[in-house]
Amino acid sequence: MALVWFEAPCVTRLRARRRLSCDLGINMLGITAVLDLLDRVQELQRQFDAARVGQINEPFAPPFPSYAAMAHLGSRTPNLSSESIAK
């Protein structure tokens, strides 16, 4: 049996996918949207922190698309409360 090694960020993302799917019942399109939004939040936080200490001069990236623009992802709106995601 061959051992397969994954880098830590991959394992973290796989665990998040499993949690969103199994524990919260979110479908694959919803999981993709949630993880993309979480990545976007982390990037905006990085930009904010860097701008706060004067490390970058670039403006923040444009805001998230509206829910109407994301309608093609499906009718189910995932629960994005901090309690449900942080588990």
PDB file of N, CA and C in Angstrom:
ATOM      1  N   MET A   1       0.842  -1.180   0.000  1.00  0.00           N
ATOM      2  CA  MET A   1       0.000   0.000   0.000  1.00  0.00           C
ATOM      3  C   MET A   1       0.888   1.244   0.000  1.00  0.00           C
ATOM      4  N   ALA A   2       0.652   2.128  -0.933  1.00  0.00           N
ATOM      5  CA  ALA A   2       1.453   3.355  -1.050  1.00  0.00           C
ATOM      6  C   ALA A   2       0.880   4.437  -0.137  1.00  0.00           C
ATOM      7  N   LEU A   3       1.780   5.156   0.483  1.00  0.00           N
ATOM      8  CA  LEU A   3       1.363   6.280   1.318  1.00  0.00           C
ATOM      9  C   LEU A   3       1.253   7.535   0.461  1.00  0.00           C
ATOM     10  N   VAL A   4       0.210   8.294   0.706  1.00  0.00           N
ATOM     11  CA  VAL A   4       0.011   9.547  -0.005  1.00  0.00           C
ATOM     12  C   VAL A   4       0.119  10.676   1.006  1.00  0.00           C
ATOM     13  N   TRP A   5       0.974  11.652   0.717  1.00  0.00           N
ATOM     14  CA  TRP A   5       1.156  12.789   1.622  1.00  0.00           C
ATOM     15  C   TRP A   5       0.522  14.027   1.013  1.00  0.00           C
ATOM     16  N   PHE A   6      -0.211  14.730   1.833  1.00  0.00           N
ATOM     17  CA  PHE A   6      -0.820  15.980   1.411  1.00  0.00           C
ATOM     18  C   PHE A   6      -0.218  17.114   2.231  1.00  0.00           C
ATOM     19  N   GLU A   7      -0.102  18.273   1.626  1.00  0.00           N
ATOM     20  CA  GLU A   7       0.358  19.439   2.360  1.00  0.00           C
ATOM     21  C   GLU A   7      -0.746  19.900   3.308  1.00  0.00           C
ATOM     22  N   ALA A   8      -0.357  20.550   4.395  1.00  0.00           N
ATOM     23  CA  ALA A   8      -1.304  20.968   5.428  1.00  0.00           C
ATOM     24  C   ALA A   8      -2.475  21.784   4.893  1.00  0.00           C
ATOM     25  N   PRO A   9      -2.270  22.764   3.998  1.00  0.00           N
ATOM     26  CA  PRO A   9      -3.427  23.516   3.493  1.00  0.00           C
ATOM     27  C   PRO A   9      -4.439  22.641   2.759  1.00  0.00           C
ATOM     28  N   CYS A  10      -3.954  21.610   2.060  1.00  0.00           N
ATOM     29  CA  CYS A  10      -4.860  20.699   1.363  1.00  0.00           C
ATOM     30  C   CYS A  10      -5.705  19.903   2.355  1.00  0.00           C
ATOM     31  N   VAL A  11      -5.073  19.433   3.409  1.00  0.00           N
ATOM     32  CA  VAL A  11      -5.790  18.661   4.428  1.00  0.00           C
ATOM     33  C   VAL A  11      -6.826  19.540   5.109  1.00  0.00           C
ATOM     34  N   THR A  12      -6.459  20.774   5.422  1.00  0.00           N
ATOM     35  CA  THR A  12      -7.394  21.703   6.054  1.00  0.00           C
ATOM     36  C   THR A  12      -8.599  21.934   5.148  1.00  0.00           C
ATOM     37  N   ARG A  13      -8.345  22.131   3.863  1.00  0.00           N
ATOM     38  CA  ARG A  13      -9.443  22.379   2.911  1.00  0.00           C
ATOM     39  C   ARG A  13     -10.324  21.134   2.771  1.00  0.00           C
ATOM     40  N   LEU A  14      -9.734  19.948   2.737  1.00  0.00           N
ATOM     41  CA  LEU A  14     -10.525  18.719   2.653  1.00  0.00           C
ATOM     42  C   LEU A  14     -11.397  18.533   3.898  1.00  0.00           C
ATOM     43  N   ARG A  15     -10.844  18.845   5.064  1.00  0.00           N
ATOM     44  CA  ARG A  15     -11.638  18.752   6.291  1.00  0.00           C
ATOM     45  C   ARG A  15     -12.801  19.737   6.274  1.00  0.00           C
ATOM     46  N   ALA A  16     -12.553  20.939   5.771  1.00  0.00           N
ATOM     47  CA  ALA A  16     -13.625  21.932   5.678  1.00  0.00           C
ATOM     48  C   ALA A  16     -14.711  21.451   4.719  1.00  0.00           C
ATOM     49  N   ARG A  17     -14.296  20.869   3.580  1.00  0.00           N
ATOM     50  CA  ARG A  17     -15.277  20.338   2.625  1.00  0.00           C
ATOM     51  C   ARG A  17     -16.131  19.245   3.275  1.00  0.00           C
ATOM     52  N   ARG A  18     -15.472  18.354   4.001  1.00  0.00           N
ATOM     53  CA  ARG A  18     -16.203  17.265   4.661  1.00  0.00           C
ATOM     54  C   ARG A  18     -17.191  17.812   5.677  1.00  0.00           C
ATOM     55  N   ARG A  19     -16.744  18.786   6.474  1.00  0.00           N
ATOM     56  CA  ARG A  19     -17.619  19.387   7.484  1.00  0.00           C
ATOM     57  C   ARG A  19     -18.821  20.067   6.842  1.00  0.00           C
ATOM     58  N   LEU A  20     -18.579  20.844   5.811  1.00  0.00           N
ATOM     59  CA  LEU A  20     -19.670  21.549   5.146  1.00  0.00           C
ATOM     60  C   LEU A  20     -20.657  20.572   4.519  1.00  0.00           C
ATOM     61  N   SER A  21     -20.150  19.477   3.969  1.00  0.00           N
ATOM     62  CA  SER A  21     -21.012  18.495   3.319  1.00  0.00           C
ATOM     63  C   SER A  21     -21.730  17.597   4.322  1.00  0.00           C
ATOM     64  N   CYS A  22     -20.967  16.921   5.160  1.00  0.00           N
ATOM     65  CA  CYS A  22     -21.547  15.922   6.066  1.00  0.00           C
ATOM     66  C   CYS A  22     -22.301  16.546   7.236  1.00  0.00           C
ATOM     67  N   ASP A  23     -21.703  17.507   7.883  1.00  0.00           N
ATOM     68  CA  ASP A  23     -22.306  18.070   9.094  1.00  0.00           C
ATOM     69  C   ASP A  23     -23.365  19.124   8.802  1.00  0.00           C
ATOM     70  N   LEU A  24     -23.160  19.914   7.743  1.00  0.00           N
ATOM     71  CA  LEU A  24     -24.087  21.012   7.471  1.00  0.00           C
ATOM     72  C   LEU A  24     -24.991  20.753   6.275  1.00  0.00           C
ATOM     73  N   GLY A  25     -24.737  19.680   5.534  1.00  0.00           N
ATOM     74  CA  GLY A  25     -25.606  19.299   4.423  1.00  0.00           C
ATOM     75  C   GLY A  25     -25.541  20.213   3.215  1.00  0.00           C
ATOM     76  N   ILE A  26     -24.440  20.896   3.023  1.00  0.00           N
ATOM     77  CA  ILE A  26     -24.307  21.811   1.886  1.00  0.00           C
ATOM     78  C   ILE A  26     -23.844  21.017   0.667  1.00  0.00           C
ATOM     79  N   ASN A  27     -24.451  21.302  -0.489  1.00  0.00           N
ATOM     80  CA  ASN A  27     -24.078  20.580  -1.706  1.00  0.00           C
ATOM     81  C   ASN A  27     -22.743  21.084  -2.236  1.00  0.00           C
ATOM     82  N   MET A  28     -22.215  20.416  -3.258  1.00  0.00           N
ATOM     83  CA  MET A  28     -20.876  20.721  -3.755  1.00  0.00           C
ATOM     84  C   MET A  28     -20.751  22.145  -4.301  1.00  0.00           C
ATOM     85  N   LEU A  29     -21.779  22.640  -4.993  1.00  0.00           N
ATOM     86  CA  LEU A  29     -21.726  24.021  -5.477  1.00  0.00           C
ATOM     87  C   LEU A  29     -21.702  25.004  -4.310  1.00  0.00           C
ATOM     88  N   GLY A  30     -22.464  24.706  -3.278  1.00  0.00           N
ATOM     89  CA  GLY A  30     -22.467  25.562  -2.095  1.00  0.00           C
ATOM     90  C   GLY A  30     -21.127  25.534  -1.381  1.00  0.00           C
ATOM     91  N   ILE A  31     -20.534  24.359  -1.294  1.00  0.00           N
ATOM     92  CA  ILE A  31     -19.220  24.223  -0.653  1.00  0.00           C
ATOM     93  C   ILE A  31     -18.184  25.052  -1.402  1.00  0.00           C
ATOM     94  N   THR A  32     -18.211  24.974  -2.727  1.00  0.00           N
ATOM     95  CA  THR A  32     -17.282  25.759  -3.532  1.00  0.00           C
ATOM     96  C   THR A  32     -17.469  27.247  -3.268  1.00  0.00           C
ATOM     97  N   ALA A  33     -18.722  27.694  -3.223  1.00  0.00           N
ATOM     98  CA  ALA A  33     -18.998  29.108  -2.967  1.00  0.00           C
ATOM     99  C   ALA A  33     -18.514  29.518  -1.576  1.00  0.00           C
ATOM    100  N   VAL A  34     -18.790  28.697  -0.571  1.00  0.00           N
ATOM    101  CA  VAL A  34     -18.376  29.014   0.800  1.00  0.00           C
ATOM    102  C   VAL A  34     -16.855  29.096   0.900  1.00  0.00           C
ATOM    103  N   LEU A  35     -16.164  28.110   0.354  1.00  0.00           N
ATOM    104  CA  LEU A  35     -14.701  28.103   0.442  1.00  0.00           C
ATOM    105  C   LEU A  35     -14.082  29.257  -0.344  1.00  0.00           C
ATOM    106  N   ASP A  36     -14.670  29.589  -1.493  1.00  0.00           N
ATOM    107  CA  ASP A  36     -14.186  30.748  -2.250  1.00  0.00           C
ATOM    108  C   ASP A  36     -14.379  32.035  -1.460  1.00  0.00           C
ATOM    109  N   LEU A  37     -15.523  32.164  -0.804  1.00  0.00           N
ATOM    110  CA  LEU A  37     -15.777  33.358   0.013  1.00  0.00           C
ATOM    111  C   LEU A  37     -14.824  33.421   1.203  1.00  0.00           C
ATOM    112  N   LEU A  38     -14.566  32.283   1.833  1.00  0.00           N
ATOM    113  CA  LEU A  38     -13.619  32.273   2.947  1.00  0.00           C
ATOM    114  C   LEU A  38     -12.212  32.654   2.484  1.00  0.00           C
ATOM    115  N   ASP A  39     -11.814  32.160   1.302  1.00  0.00           N
ATOM    116  CA  ASP A  39     -10.515  32.557   0.736  1.00  0.00           C
ATOM    117  C   ASP A  39     -10.484  34.064   0.484  1.00  0.00           C
ATOM    118  N   ARG A  40     -11.584  34.581  -0.025  1.00  0.00           N
ATOM    119  CA  ARG A  40     -11.670  36.021  -0.319  1.00  0.00           C
ATOM    120  C   ARG A  40     -11.583  36.837   0.967  1.00  0.00           C
ATOM    121  N   VAL A  41     -12.264  36.388   2.015  1.00  0.00           N
ATOM    122  CA  VAL A  41     -12.208  37.086   3.309  1.00  0.00           C
ATOM    123  C   VAL A  41     -10.778  37.094   3.835  1.00  0.00           C
ATOM    124  N   GLN A  42     -10.094  35.958   3.738  1.00  0.00           N
ATOM    125  CA  GLN A  42      -8.702  35.894   4.196  1.00  0.00           C
ATOM    126  C   GLN A  42      -7.807  36.837   3.405  1.00  0.00           C
ATOM    127  N   GLU A  43      -8.012  36.912   2.093  1.00  0.00           N
ATOM    128  CA  GLU A  43      -7.214  37.819   1.270  1.00  0.00           C
ATOM    129  C   GLU A  43      -7.497  39.281   1.624  1.00  0.00           C
ATOM    130  N   LEU A  44      -8.761  39.610   1.819  1.00  0.00           N
ATOM    131  CA  LEU A  44      -9.102  40.981   2.211  1.00  0.00           C
ATOM    132  C   LEU A  44      -8.525  41.316   3.581  1.00  0.00           C
ATOM    133  N   GLN A  45      -8.520  40.355   4.487  1.00  0.00           N
ATOM    134  CA  GLN A  45      -7.928  40.580   5.800  1.00  0.00           C
ATOM    135  C   GLN A  45      -6.431  40.818   5.673  1.00  0.00           C
ATOM    136  N   ARG A  46      -5.776  40.044   4.805  1.00  0.00           N
ATOM    137  CA  ARG A  46      -4.348  40.244   4.573  1.00  0.00           C
ATOM    138  C   ARG A  46      -4.078  41.632   3.996  1.00  0.00           C
ATOM    139  N   GLN A  47      -4.889  42.049   3.024  1.00  0.00           N
ATOM    140  CA  GLN A  47      -4.740  43.371   2.433  1.00  0.00           C
ATOM    141  C   GLN A  47      -4.969  44.469   3.471  1.00  0.00           C
ATOM    142  N   PHE A  48      -5.988  44.283   4.282  1.00  0.00           N
ATOM    143  CA  PHE A  48      -6.298  45.269   5.314  1.00  0.00           C
ATOM    144  C   PHE A  48      -5.153  45.392   6.310  1.00  0.00           C
ATOM    145  N   ASP A  49      -4.657  44.247   6.778  1.00  0.00           N
ATOM    146  CA  ASP A  49      -3.552  44.261   7.745  1.00  0.00           C
ATOM    147  C   ASP A  49      -2.313  44.916   7.154  1.00  0.00           C
ATOM    148  N   ALA A  50      -2.019  44.592   5.891  1.00  0.00           N
ATOM    149  CA  ALA A  50      -0.846  45.172   5.242  1.00  0.00           C
ATOM    150  C   ALA A  50      -1.020  46.676   5.038  1.00  0.00           C
ATOM    151  N   ALA A  51      -2.207  47.105   4.640  1.00  0.00           N
ATOM    152  CA  ALA A  51      -2.459  48.532   4.419  1.00  0.00           C
ATOM    153  C   ALA A  51      -2.413  49.299   5.739  1.00  0.00           C
ATOM    154  N   ARG A  52      -2.867  48.661   6.789  1.00  0.00           N
ATOM    155  CA  ARG A  52      -2.892  49.316   8.099  1.00  0.00           C
ATOM    156  C   ARG A  52      -1.485  49.640   8.583  1.00  0.00           C
ATOM    157  N   VAL A  53      -0.531  48.811   8.248  1.00  0.00           N
ATOM    158  CA  VAL A  53       0.845  49.069   8.669  1.00  0.00           C
ATOM    159  C   VAL A  53       1.652  49.728   7.560  1.00  0.00           C
ATOM    160  N   GLY A  54       0.982  50.118   6.457  1.00  0.00           N
ATOM    161  CA  GLY A  54       1.628  50.855   5.392  1.00  0.00           C
ATOM    162  C   GLY A  54       2.513  50.037   4.485  1.00  0.00           C
ATOM    163  N   GLN A  55       2.272  48.742   4.368  1.00  0.00           N
ATOM    164  CA  GLN A  55       3.122  47.898   3.530  1.00  0.00           C
ATOM    165  C   GLN A  55       2.735  47.946   2.066  1.00  0.00           C
ATOM    166  N   ILE A  56       1.475  48.245   1.760  1.00  0.00           N
ATOM    167  CA  ILE A  56       1.052  48.300   0.359  1.00  0.00           C
ATOM    168  C   ILE A  56       0.285  49.583   0.125  1.00  0.00           C
ATOM    169  N   ASN A  57       0.276  50.022  -1.124  1.00  0.00           N
ATOM    170  CA  ASN A  57      -0.449  51.225  -1.493  1.00  0.00           C
ATOM    171  C   ASN A  57      -1.590  50.933  -2.458  1.00  0.00           C
ATOM    172  N   GLU A  58      -1.787  49.662  -2.804  1.00  0.00           N
ATOM    173  CA  GLU A  58      -2.843  49.317  -3.752  1.00  0.00           C
ATOM    174  C   GLU A  58      -4.209  49.372  -3.071  1.00  0.00           C
ATOM    175  N   PRO A  59      -5.243  49.731  -3.820  1.00  0.00           N
ATOM    176  CA  PRO A  59      -6.589  49.762  -3.221  1.00  0.00           C
ATOM    177  C   PRO A  59      -7.098  48.353  -2.971  1.00  0.00           C
ATOM    178  N   PHE A  60      -8.094  48.247  -2.117  1.00  0.00           N
ATOM    179  CA  PHE A  60      -8.713  46.952  -1.896  1.00  0.00           C
ATOM    180  C   PHE A  60      -9.362  46.459  -3.176  1.00  0.00           C
ATOM    181  N   ALA A  61      -9.445  45.155  -3.313  1.00  0.00           N
ATOM    182  CA  ALA A  61     -10.084  44.560  -4.480  1.00  0.00           C
ATOM    183  C   ALA A  61     -11.581  44.873  -4.451  1.00  0.00           C
ATOM    184  N   PRO A  62     -12.260  44.742  -5.591  1.00  0.00           N
ATOM    185  CA  PRO A  62     -13.686  45.068  -5.633  1.00  0.00           C
ATOM    186  C   PRO A  62     -14.491  44.180  -4.691  1.00  0.00           C
ATOM    187  N   PRO A  63     -15.674  44.626  -4.286  1.00  0.00           N
ATOM    188  CA  PRO A  63     -16.499  43.849  -3.350  1.00  0.00           C
ATOM    189  C   PRO A  63     -16.990  42.546  -3.974  1.00  0.00           C
ATOM    190  N   PHE A  64     -17.549  41.700  -3.130  1.00  0.00           N
ATOM    191  CA  PHE A  64     -18.104  40.437  -3.580  1.00  0.00           C
ATOM    192  C   PHE A  64     -19.223  40.667  -4.577  1.00  0.00           C
ATOM    193  N   PRO A  65     -19.463  39.696  -5.457  1.00  0.00           N
ATOM    194  CA  PRO A  65     -20.621  39.828  -6.344  1.00  0.00           C
ATOM    195  C   PRO A  65     -21.908  39.732  -5.535  1.00  0.00           C
ATOM    196  N   SER A  66     -22.956  40.306  -6.064  1.00  0.00           N
ATOM    197  CA  SER A  66     -24.242  40.276  -5.364  1.00  0.00           C
ATOM    198  C   SER A  66     -24.800  38.857  -5.361  1.00  0.00           C
ATOM    199  N   TYR A  67     -25.764  38.610  -4.469  1.00  0.00           N
ATOM    200  CA  TYR A  67     -26.404  37.300  -4.450  1.00  0.00           C
ATOM    201  C   TYR A  67     -27.118  37.041  -5.777  1.00  0.00           C
ATOM    202  N   ALA A  68     -27.652  38.097  -6.389  1.00  0.00           N
ATOM    203  CA  ALA A  68     -28.320  37.920  -7.677  1.00  0.00           C
ATOM    204  C   ALA A  68     -27.337  37.413  -8.722  1.00  0.00           C
ATOM    205  N   ALA A  69     -26.107  37.910  -8.675  1.00  0.00           N
ATOM    206  CA  ALA A  69     -25.101  37.470  -9.632  1.00  0.00           C
ATOM    207  C   ALA A  69     -24.680  36.031  -9.381  1.00  0.00           C
ATOM    208  N   MET A  70     -24.903  35.536  -8.170  1.00  0.00           N
ATOM    209  CA  MET A  70     -24.524  34.166  -7.823  1.00  0.00           C
ATOM    210  C   MET A  70     -25.708  33.212  -7.912  1.00  0.00           C
ATOM    211  N   ALA A  71     -26.824  33.660  -8.494  1.00  0.00           N
ATOM    212  CA  ALA A  71     -28.036  32.838  -8.548  1.00  0.00           C
ATOM    213  C   ALA A  71     -27.804  31.523  -9.280  1.00  0.00           C
ATOM    214  N   HIS A  72     -26.874  31.496 -10.219  1.00  0.00           N
ATOM    215  CA  HIS A  72     -26.606  30.276 -10.975  1.00  0.00           C
ATOM    216  C   HIS A  72     -26.019  29.171 -10.103  1.00  0.00           C
ATOM    217  N   LEU A  73     -25.598  29.498  -8.882  1.00  0.00           N
ATOM    218  CA  LEU A  73     -25.011  28.493  -7.994  1.00  0.00           C
ATOM    219  C   LEU A  73     -26.052  27.604  -7.346  1.00  0.00           C
ATOM    220  N   GLY A  74     -27.307  27.978  -7.424  1.00  0.00           N
ATOM    221  CA  GLY A  74     -28.362  27.175  -6.827  1.00  0.00           C
ATOM    222  C   GLY A  74     -29.225  28.002  -5.902  1.00  0.00           C
ATOM    223  N   SER A  75     -30.359  27.459  -5.564  1.00  0.00           N
ATOM    224  CA  SER A  75     -31.320  28.213  -4.759  1.00  0.00           C
ATOM    225  C   SER A  75     -31.049  28.117  -3.269  1.00  0.00           C
ATOM    226  N   ARG A  76     -30.256  27.159  -2.842  1.00  0.00           N
ATOM    227  CA  ARG A  76     -30.015  26.991  -1.417  1.00  0.00           C
ATOM    228  C   ARG A  76     -28.963  27.993  -0.933  1.00  0.00           C
ATOM    229  N   THR A  77     -29.291  28.735   0.086  1.00  0.00           N
ATOM    230  CA  THR A  77     -28.362  29.688   0.661  1.00  0.00           C
ATOM    231  C   THR A  77     -27.695  29.024   1.859  1.00  0.00           C
ATOM    232  N   PRO A  78     -26.360  28.877   1.846  1.00  0.00           N
ATOM    233  CA  PRO A  78     -25.682  28.215   2.956  1.00  0.00           C
ATOM    234  C   PRO A  78     -25.701  29.066   4.218  1.00  0.00           C
ATOM    235  N   ASN A  79     -25.632  28.386   5.365  1.00  0.00           N
ATOM    236  CA  ASN A  79     -25.552  29.073   6.639  1.00  0.00           C
ATOM    237  C   ASN A  79     -24.125  29.532   6.836  1.00  0.00           C
ATOM    238  N   LEU A  80     -23.901  30.857   6.780  1.00  0.00           N
ATOM    239  CA  LEU A  80     -22.557  31.385   6.862  1.00  0.00           C
ATOM    240  C   LEU A  80     -22.267  32.001   8.230  1.00  0.00           C
ATOM    241  N   SER A  81     -23.029  31.612   9.240  1.00  0.00           N
ATOM    242  CA  SER A  81     -22.773  32.175  10.561  1.00  0.00           C
ATOM    243  C   SER A  81     -21.412  31.702  11.058  1.00  0.00           C
ATOM    244  N   SER A  82     -20.775  32.530  11.837  1.00  0.00           N
ATOM    245  CA  SER A  82     -19.428  32.197  12.308  1.00  0.00           C
ATOM    246  C   SER A  82     -19.423  30.939  13.167  1.00  0.00           C
ATOM    247  N   GLU A  83     -20.516  30.674  13.865  1.00  0.00           N
ATOM    248  CA  GLU A  83     -20.579  29.467  14.710  1.00  0.00           C
ATOM    249  C   GLU A  83     -20.573  28.207  13.860  1.00  0.00           C
ATOM    250  N   SER A  84     -21.288  28.222  12.713  1.00  0.00           N
ATOM    251  CA  SER A  84     -21.400  27.015  11.900  1.00  0.00           C
ATOM    252  C   SER A  84     -20.114  26.739  11.133  1.00  0.00           C
ATOM    253  N   ILE A  85     -19.376  27.773  10.750  1.00  0.00           N
ATOM    254  CA  ILE A  85     -18.161  27.589   9.960  1.00  0.00           C
ATOM    255  C   ILE A  85     -16.972  27.265  10.855  1.00  0.00           C
ATOM    256  N   ALA A  86     -16.943  27.827  12.048  1.00  0.00           N
ATOM    257  CA  ALA A  86     -15.774  27.687  12.920  1.00  0.00           C
ATOM    258  C   ALA A  86     -15.616  26.296  13.503  1.00  0.00           C
ATOM    259  N   LYS A  87     -16.631  25.476  13.444  1.00  0.00           N
ATOM    260  CA  LYS A  87     -16.556  24.142  14.065  1.00  0.00           C
ATOM    261  C   LYS A  87     -15.582  23.258  13.354  1.00  0.00           C
TER     262      LYS A  87
END
